[in-house]
Amino acid sequence: MINTEQTLTAFLPTIRAADWVAVDTEADSLHAYPEKLCLLQISTAAGDRLVDPLAGMDIDPLLDALAGHELIFHAADYDLRLLRKHHEFVPGAIFDTMLAARLLGMKKFSLGDLVETCLGVKLEKGSQKADWARRPLTPKMEDYARNDTHHLKPLADKLKAELIAKGRLAWHQESCARLIAESSQLPAADPDGVWRVKGSYVLNRPALAVLRELWRWRETEAIAANRPPFFILNHELMVNIAEVAAAQQPVAPLLPRYLSPRRRDGLAQAVKTGLAVPAAQHPEPQQRNGRRPTHAEHQRFLNLEKHRNVQAHQLDLDPTLIAPRATLGDLARDWDTHAAELMNWQRELLK
C-alpha cells in the first residue's frame, strides 16, 4: 500500500516510464456521506499497486503522471466522475473495456464475465459492497482491489484486436472521448430541483413545500451522521409523509421505528416549517414533457426505430448503443438539430 509521501514519490518514475497503465477506484458511497475517493488501484508492467488517498498525502503528482497516458478502465463512468469531482482530474485518453465489449456485441460485460470469457480466469467476488474507508484493509479486500486492474491490460489487448477486426475501433475511440467529455462536466447545482426526489411529481404545491423541508432536514442529518441519506429516510417515505402532512393528517404512524426521539422531533419540525410556508411561496410542480408528437413525427420515429433495429440486428449490437428511444424521439422532431448531438458512427448508422 502506498500511503506516505516517500512511497508515492518513489512510485512516480514507474508511472511516468510505463508503456501502459490500468486504473480503478473505490469509494465509500454506501457507507458515508458525502462520498470520497478511498482507494486508487494502479497496474503497470511493473506490478499492481494500491494508493491510499485517505493517508493525508498529496496525490496530485500521481494524477499529473497519470494524465500523460491512455488509461485502461473497466466501466469508467463512475471512476471519471469521482476523480473529476474530488480531485479535478480529467484524463486525456482512456480505453474502457466494458464499452469495448458492448460495441463488440457481448451480452455479458461485467469485469468478472469478461475476464472469465476472454482470459479464462475466474475472479473472486465478495468485496463489492465493502467499506473502503476502513483501515487497515483486510487481505481479502486488498486482493479484490488488485484484481480490479490486474487483468485489464491483456483484456484490453484482446478486445482491441477484435474491435480492429470488426472495423469498430474508431467507434470505441469516439465513445471513450465522449465519455471523458461528459464525465468532466459537473452538473450545475439546481436549488429548485435537488430536493425533488423520485415520485415527487404526484405531490401538490403544499406537499412540495413540506417535502423540500424534509429533504433539507434529511441532508443535514446525513452529513452530521456521515451516512447516506437513504439510511436516514428513503425517498418513498419522504413523499408519503409530505402528502399526508399536506392533507392535515398525522404523520407519526408513518415514521419508522428506528428513528430516534431526536430525529422524530427534527422531522416533526421540518413538517411544521413546510406547512407554514405561505401559499405564494409554495414550489411549483415540475412540468413533465407531455407534448404529444404529431402524426408525421410519430411516423418518422417508427421509421427511425425500425432502421435502428435492423442495423443493430445485423451488427449484433444493443440497439440503445446506436440511439435510445428518447434520442430517436428528438431526431424525429428535429433531425438537423439533434443529429449533431450523435457521435459520428451513430449518425452514419442512422442515415
Protein backbone atom coordinates (compact mmCIF):
# COMPACT_ATOMS: atom_id res chain seq x y z
CA MET A 1 0.00 0.00 0.00
CA ILE A 2 1.35 3.42 -0.98
CA ASN A 3 0.37 5.64 1.92
CA THR A 4 3.25 8.06 2.53
CA GLU A 5 4.76 10.94 0.59
CA GLN A 6 8.01 8.98 0.35
CA THR A 7 6.49 5.80 -1.12
CA LEU A 8 4.37 7.86 -3.50
CA THR A 9 7.37 9.85 -4.71
CA ALA A 10 9.29 6.62 -5.25
CA PHE A 11 6.39 5.25 -7.32
CA LEU A 12 6.10 8.21 -9.70
CA PRO A 13 9.01 7.21 -12.02
CA THR A 14 7.28 3.86 -12.56
CA ILE A 15 4.14 5.63 -13.75
CA ARG A 16 6.00 8.10 -15.95
CA ALA A 17 8.00 5.33 -17.65
CA ALA A 18 5.09 2.90 -18.02
CA ASP A 19 4.09 1.72 -21.50
CA TRP A 20 0.56 1.18 -20.23
CA VAL A 21 -1.43 1.96 -17.07
CA ALA A 22 -4.66 0.39 -15.79
CA VAL A 23 -6.69 2.23 -13.16
CA ASP A 24 -9.69 1.66 -10.90
CA THR A 25 -11.11 3.45 -7.88
CA GLU A 26 -13.05 2.59 -4.75
CA ALA A 27 -15.30 4.99 -2.85
CA ASP A 28 -17.48 4.76 0.25
CA SER A 29 -20.82 5.88 -1.19
CA LEU A 30 -22.66 3.01 0.51
CA HIS A 31 -21.24 3.87 3.91
CA ALA A 32 -20.55 7.62 4.12
CA TYR A 33 -21.95 10.98 3.05
CA PRO A 34 -20.72 12.78 1.13
CA GLU A 35 -18.75 10.05 -0.62
CA LYS A 36 -14.99 10.27 -1.03
CA LEU A 37 -12.26 8.56 -3.00
CA CYS A 38 -10.88 5.83 -0.74
CA LEU A 39 -8.52 3.84 -2.93
CA LEU A 40 -6.71 4.00 -6.25
CA GLN A 41 -5.73 0.72 -7.87
CA ILE A 42 -2.99 1.02 -10.48
CA SER A 43 -1.41 -1.71 -12.58
CA THR A 44 1.59 -1.39 -14.89
CA ALA A 45 4.04 -3.89 -16.32
CA ALA A 46 5.94 -3.48 -13.04
CA GLY A 47 3.03 -4.83 -10.99
CA ASP A 48 -0.13 -3.89 -9.12
CA ARG A 49 -0.12 -1.14 -6.51
CA LEU A 50 -2.72 0.32 -4.17
CA VAL A 51 -2.64 4.04 -3.36
CA ASP A 52 -4.35 5.38 -0.24
CA PRO A 53 -5.88 8.85 -0.82
CA LEU A 54 -7.04 8.87 2.81
CA ALA A 55 -3.48 8.79 4.18
CA GLY A 56 -3.13 12.58 4.18
CA MET A 57 -0.62 12.79 1.32
CA ASP A 58 -0.91 14.95 -1.79
CA ILE A 59 -1.84 12.70 -4.73
CA ASP A 60 -1.76 15.48 -7.32
CA PRO A 61 1.74 14.49 -8.54
CA LEU A 62 0.42 10.99 -9.16
CA LEU A 63 -2.58 12.30 -11.09
CA ASP A 64 -0.28 14.54 -13.12
CA ALA A 65 1.81 11.50 -14.02
CA LEU A 66 -1.29 9.51 -14.98
CA ALA A 67 -2.52 12.32 -17.24
CA GLY A 68 0.18 11.55 -19.77
CA HIS A 69 -1.12 8.05 -20.52
CA GLU A 70 -4.08 6.39 -22.17
CA LEU A 71 -5.60 4.83 -19.06
CA ILE A 72 -7.30 1.45 -19.15
CA PHE A 73 -10.54 1.32 -17.15
CA HIS A 74 -13.49 -1.01 -16.88
CA ALA A 75 -16.80 0.90 -16.78
CA ALA A 76 -15.02 4.23 -16.43
CA ASP A 77 -18.05 6.49 -15.98
CA TYR A 78 -18.20 6.45 -12.17
CA ASP A 79 -14.41 6.49 -11.77
CA LEU A 80 -14.06 9.53 -14.04
CA ARG A 81 -16.82 11.44 -12.26
CA LEU A 82 -15.32 10.61 -8.86
CA LEU A 83 -11.85 11.76 -9.89
CA ARG A 84 -13.18 14.92 -11.53
CA LYS A 85 -15.42 15.86 -8.62
CA HIS A 86 -12.97 15.28 -5.79
CA HIS A 87 -9.57 15.79 -7.42
CA GLU A 88 -10.28 17.81 -10.61
CA PHE A 89 -8.62 15.08 -12.65
CA VAL A 90 -9.59 14.52 -16.29
CA PRO A 91 -7.53 12.03 -18.33
CA GLY A 92 -6.53 12.80 -21.88
CA ALA A 93 -7.46 9.37 -23.23
CA ILE A 94 -8.91 6.10 -21.94
CA PHE A 95 -9.63 2.57 -23.12
CA ASP A 96 -12.84 1.32 -21.49
CA THR A 97 -13.07 -2.48 -21.59
CA MET A 98 -16.79 -2.58 -20.79
CA LEU A 99 -17.55 -0.17 -23.59
CA ALA A 100 -15.37 -2.22 -25.94
CA ALA A 101 -17.25 -5.40 -25.03
CA ARG A 102 -20.63 -3.75 -25.65
CA LEU A 103 -19.50 -2.42 -29.03
CA LEU A 104 -18.48 -5.98 -29.90
CA GLY A 105 -21.98 -7.20 -29.11
CA MET A 106 -21.10 -9.12 -25.95
CA LYS A 107 -24.17 -9.74 -23.80
CA LYS A 108 -22.29 -10.21 -20.51
CA PHE A 109 -19.80 -7.42 -19.89
CA SER A 110 -19.08 -7.25 -16.17
CA LEU A 111 -15.37 -7.43 -15.37
CA GLY A 112 -15.78 -10.91 -13.94
CA ASP A 113 -17.64 -12.16 -17.01
CA LEU A 114 -15.13 -10.67 -19.44
CA VAL A 115 -12.04 -11.91 -17.60
CA GLU A 116 -13.52 -15.40 -17.44
CA THR A 117 -14.73 -15.42 -21.06
CA CYS A 118 -11.72 -13.77 -22.67
CA LEU A 119 -8.86 -14.83 -20.38
CA GLY A 120 -10.14 -17.99 -18.71
CA VAL A 121 -9.65 -16.54 -15.22
CA LYS A 122 -12.39 -16.64 -12.58
CA LEU A 123 -12.27 -13.69 -10.19
CA GLU A 124 -13.24 -13.95 -6.55
CA LYS A 125 -16.26 -11.89 -5.53
CA GLY A 126 -17.36 -10.63 -2.14
CA SER A 127 -15.94 -7.13 -1.53
CA GLN A 128 -18.07 -5.06 -3.90
CA LYS A 129 -20.02 -3.51 -1.02
CA ALA A 130 -17.18 -3.32 1.48
CA ASP A 131 -16.43 -0.16 3.44
CA TRP A 132 -13.36 1.04 1.55
CA ALA A 133 -12.69 3.79 4.09
CA ARG A 134 -11.76 1.26 6.76
CA ARG A 135 -8.11 0.94 7.66
CA PRO A 136 -6.28 -1.30 7.55
CA LEU A 137 -7.81 -3.09 4.57
CA THR A 138 -8.22 -6.80 5.05
CA PRO A 139 -6.08 -9.11 2.91
CA LYS A 140 -9.27 -10.17 1.10
CA MET A 141 -10.10 -6.54 0.27
CA GLU A 142 -6.57 -5.90 -0.98
CA ASP A 143 -6.68 -8.97 -3.23
CA TYR A 144 -10.08 -7.94 -4.57
CA ALA A 145 -8.86 -4.40 -5.26
CA ARG A 146 -5.73 -5.57 -7.09
CA ASN A 147 -7.77 -7.92 -9.27
CA ASP A 148 -9.81 -4.95 -10.49
CA THR A 149 -6.82 -3.77 -12.56
CA HIS A 150 -4.50 -6.79 -12.75
CA HIS A 151 -6.21 -8.28 -15.84
CA LEU A 152 -7.18 -5.08 -17.64
CA LYS A 153 -4.18 -4.87 -19.97
CA PRO A 154 -4.48 -8.38 -21.51
CA LEU A 155 -8.26 -7.94 -21.60
CA ALA A 156 -7.92 -4.58 -23.39
CA ASP A 157 -5.45 -6.07 -25.88
CA LYS A 158 -7.84 -8.87 -26.78
CA LEU A 159 -10.86 -6.59 -27.08
CA LYS A 160 -8.91 -4.04 -29.11
CA ALA A 161 -7.85 -6.71 -31.60
CA GLU A 162 -11.50 -7.73 -32.02
CA LEU A 163 -12.58 -4.10 -32.46
CA ILE A 164 -9.99 -3.71 -35.22
CA ALA A 165 -11.11 -6.94 -36.88
CA LYS A 166 -14.72 -5.71 -36.93
CA GLY A 167 -13.82 -2.19 -38.03
CA ARG A 168 -15.14 -0.68 -34.81
CA LEU A 169 -12.03 0.71 -33.15
CA ALA A 170 -12.92 4.25 -34.28
CA TRP A 171 -16.37 3.78 -32.70
CA HIS A 172 -14.72 2.91 -29.42
CA GLN A 173 -12.26 5.78 -29.55
CA GLU A 174 -15.04 8.27 -30.22
CA SER A 175 -17.20 6.75 -27.48
CA CYS A 176 -14.35 6.96 -24.96
CA ALA A 177 -13.72 10.59 -25.88
CA ARG A 178 -17.43 11.33 -25.41
CA LEU A 179 -17.36 9.58 -22.03
CA ILE A 180 -14.42 11.71 -20.88
CA ALA A 181 -16.16 14.90 -22.03
CA GLU A 182 -19.47 14.05 -20.35
CA SER A 183 -17.85 12.89 -17.12
CA SER A 184 -15.77 16.05 -16.83
CA GLN A 185 -18.85 18.29 -16.85
CA LEU A 186 -20.08 18.57 -13.29
CA PRO A 187 -23.84 19.20 -13.16
CA ALA A 188 -24.80 22.71 -12.14
CA ALA A 189 -26.47 22.93 -8.75
CA ASP A 190 -30.22 23.40 -9.09
CA PRO A 191 -31.63 24.58 -5.74
CA ASP A 192 -35.18 24.11 -7.04
CA GLY A 193 -34.53 20.61 -8.35
CA VAL A 194 -32.15 18.89 -5.96
CA TRP A 195 -34.86 18.13 -3.39
CA ARG A 196 -37.40 16.81 -5.94
CA VAL A 197 -36.90 13.13 -5.27
CA LYS A 198 -38.32 10.23 -7.23
CA GLY A 199 -42.12 10.21 -7.02
CA SER A 200 -42.47 13.86 -6.04
CA TYR A 201 -44.25 14.77 -9.28
CA VAL A 202 -47.50 13.41 -7.77
CA LEU A 203 -47.49 15.98 -4.95
CA ASN A 204 -49.47 19.21 -4.87
CA ARG A 205 -47.87 22.54 -4.01
CA PRO A 206 -48.39 22.43 -0.20
CA ALA A 207 -46.98 18.90 -0.11
CA LEU A 208 -43.96 20.00 -2.17
CA ALA A 209 -43.26 22.69 0.44
CA VAL A 210 -43.20 20.00 3.12
CA LEU A 211 -41.05 17.70 1.00
CA ARG A 212 -38.50 20.48 0.48
CA GLU A 213 -38.14 20.94 4.24
CA LEU A 214 -37.94 17.19 4.81
CA TRP A 215 -35.13 16.96 2.25
CA ARG A 216 -33.22 19.78 3.95
CA TRP A 217 -33.63 18.08 7.33
CA ARG A 218 -32.52 14.72 5.93
CA GLU A 219 -29.50 16.28 4.22
CA THR A 220 -28.36 17.88 7.48
CA GLU A 221 -28.81 14.60 9.35
CA ALA A 222 -26.94 12.60 6.69
CA ILE A 223 -23.94 14.91 6.72
CA ALA A 224 -23.83 15.01 10.53
CA ALA A 225 -24.02 11.23 10.75
CA ASN A 226 -21.70 10.64 7.76
CA ARG A 227 -24.28 8.22 6.40
CA PRO A 228 -26.01 8.10 3.00
CA PRO A 229 -29.38 9.92 3.08
CA PHE A 230 -31.41 6.76 2.40
CA PHE A 231 -30.21 5.43 5.76
CA ILE A 232 -31.98 8.36 7.40
CA LEU A 233 -35.22 8.23 5.39
CA ASN A 234 -35.89 6.81 1.94
CA HIS A 235 -37.42 8.78 -0.94
CA GLU A 236 -40.74 6.95 -0.97
CA LEU A 237 -41.36 7.54 2.71
CA MET A 238 -40.47 11.24 2.39
CA VAL A 239 -43.03 11.63 -0.39
CA ASN A 240 -45.69 9.78 1.62
CA ILE A 241 -45.05 11.90 4.71
CA ALA A 242 -45.26 15.12 2.68
CA GLU A 243 -48.52 14.04 1.07
CA VAL A 244 -50.13 13.03 4.37
CA ALA A 245 -48.93 16.15 6.18
CA ALA A 246 -50.31 18.45 3.48
CA ALA A 247 -53.66 16.69 3.83
CA GLN A 248 -53.62 17.65 7.55
CA GLN A 249 -53.33 14.03 8.60
CA PRO A 250 -50.98 12.74 11.36
CA VAL A 251 -47.62 11.55 10.08
CA ALA A 252 -46.50 9.72 13.24
CA PRO A 253 -47.93 6.35 12.07
CA LEU A 254 -45.68 6.54 9.00
CA LEU A 255 -42.44 7.05 10.88
CA PRO A 256 -40.10 4.04 11.03
CA ARG A 257 -39.31 2.59 14.43
CA TYR A 258 -35.58 3.11 14.03
CA LEU A 259 -35.90 6.91 14.18
CA SER A 260 -34.54 8.23 17.46
CA PRO A 261 -36.63 10.66 19.53
CA ARG A 262 -34.29 13.47 18.47
CA ARG A 263 -34.78 12.68 14.79
CA ARG A 264 -38.54 12.34 15.25
CA ASP A 265 -38.58 15.82 16.75
CA GLY A 266 -36.44 17.17 13.91
CA LEU A 267 -38.67 15.60 11.29
CA ALA A 268 -41.78 16.98 13.00
CA GLN A 269 -40.22 20.45 12.99
CA ALA A 270 -39.41 20.11 9.28
CA VAL A 271 -43.04 19.19 8.58
CA LYS A 272 -44.24 22.13 10.67
CA THR A 273 -41.90 24.50 8.81
CA GLY A 274 -43.08 23.20 5.45
CA LEU A 275 -46.75 23.60 6.39
CA ALA A 276 -46.09 27.19 7.48
CA VAL A 277 -44.77 28.25 4.07
CA PRO A 278 -47.16 30.88 2.62
CA ALA A 279 -49.15 29.67 -0.37
CA ALA A 280 -47.49 32.23 -2.63
CA GLN A 281 -44.10 30.64 -1.84
CA HIS A 282 -45.12 27.05 -2.44
CA PRO A 283 -42.97 25.31 -5.06
CA GLU A 284 -44.50 24.88 -8.47
CA PRO A 285 -44.98 21.32 -9.73
CA GLN A 286 -42.45 20.46 -12.38
CA GLN A 287 -43.88 20.28 -15.84
CA ARG A 288 -43.46 16.86 -17.35
CA ASN A 289 -42.60 16.65 -21.01
CA GLY A 290 -46.08 15.91 -22.22
CA ARG A 291 -46.23 17.30 -25.77
CA ARG A 292 -47.64 14.61 -27.98
CA PRO A 293 -45.76 14.06 -31.23
CA THR A 294 -47.54 14.94 -34.41
CA HIS A 295 -48.59 12.16 -36.79
CA ALA A 296 -45.63 12.97 -39.03
CA GLU A 297 -43.21 12.93 -36.09
CA HIS A 298 -44.59 9.59 -34.91
CA GLN A 299 -44.11 8.09 -38.36
CA ARG A 300 -40.55 9.38 -38.53
CA PHE A 301 -39.93 7.88 -35.08
CA LEU A 302 -41.24 4.48 -36.18
CA ASN A 303 -39.12 4.59 -39.34
CA LEU A 304 -36.01 5.55 -37.38
CA GLU A 305 -36.67 2.85 -34.79
CA LYS A 306 -37.15 0.21 -37.47
CA HIS A 307 -33.96 1.27 -39.26
CA ARG A 308 -32.02 1.33 -36.00
CA ASN A 309 -33.23 -2.13 -35.04
CA VAL A 310 -32.28 -3.57 -38.43
CA GLN A 311 -28.79 -2.11 -38.13
CA ALA A 312 -28.44 -3.36 -34.56
CA HIS A 313 -29.54 -6.87 -35.55
CA GLN A 314 -27.11 -7.01 -38.46
CA LEU A 315 -24.25 -5.78 -36.25
CA ASP A 316 -25.32 -7.85 -33.21
CA LEU A 317 -25.46 -4.70 -31.08
CA ASP A 318 -27.73 -3.50 -28.30
CA PRO A 319 -29.99 -1.04 -30.21
CA THR A 320 -29.70 1.55 -27.44
CA LEU A 321 -25.98 1.88 -28.18
CA ILE A 322 -26.91 3.30 -31.58
CA ALA A 323 -29.63 5.52 -30.10
CA PRO A 324 -32.05 5.15 -27.16
CA ARG A 325 -35.75 5.79 -27.73
CA ALA A 326 -35.58 9.29 -26.24
CA THR A 327 -32.91 10.22 -28.78
CA LEU A 328 -34.99 8.76 -31.60
CA GLY A 329 -37.88 10.95 -30.44
CA ASP A 330 -35.67 14.05 -30.56
CA LEU A 331 -34.41 13.11 -34.03
CA ALA A 332 -37.95 12.55 -35.25
CA ARG A 333 -38.92 16.06 -34.10
CA ASP A 334 -35.85 17.84 -35.47
CA TRP A 335 -33.18 15.80 -37.22
CA ASP A 336 -30.95 18.72 -38.16
CA THR A 337 -30.67 19.94 -34.56
CA HIS A 338 -30.30 16.64 -32.76
CA ALA A 339 -28.23 14.70 -35.28
CA ALA A 340 -25.31 16.94 -34.35
CA GLU A 341 -25.52 15.52 -30.79
CA LEU A 342 -24.82 11.99 -32.06
CA MET A 343 -21.36 10.54 -32.40
CA ASN A 344 -20.20 10.16 -35.99
CA TRP A 345 -20.57 6.37 -36.02
CA GLN A 346 -24.09 6.58 -34.60
CA ARG A 347 -25.12 9.17 -37.17
CA GLU A 348 -23.76 7.04 -40.01
CA LEU A 349 -25.73 4.01 -38.85
CA LEU A 350 -28.95 6.02 -38.65
CA LYS A 351 -28.73 7.58 -42.08
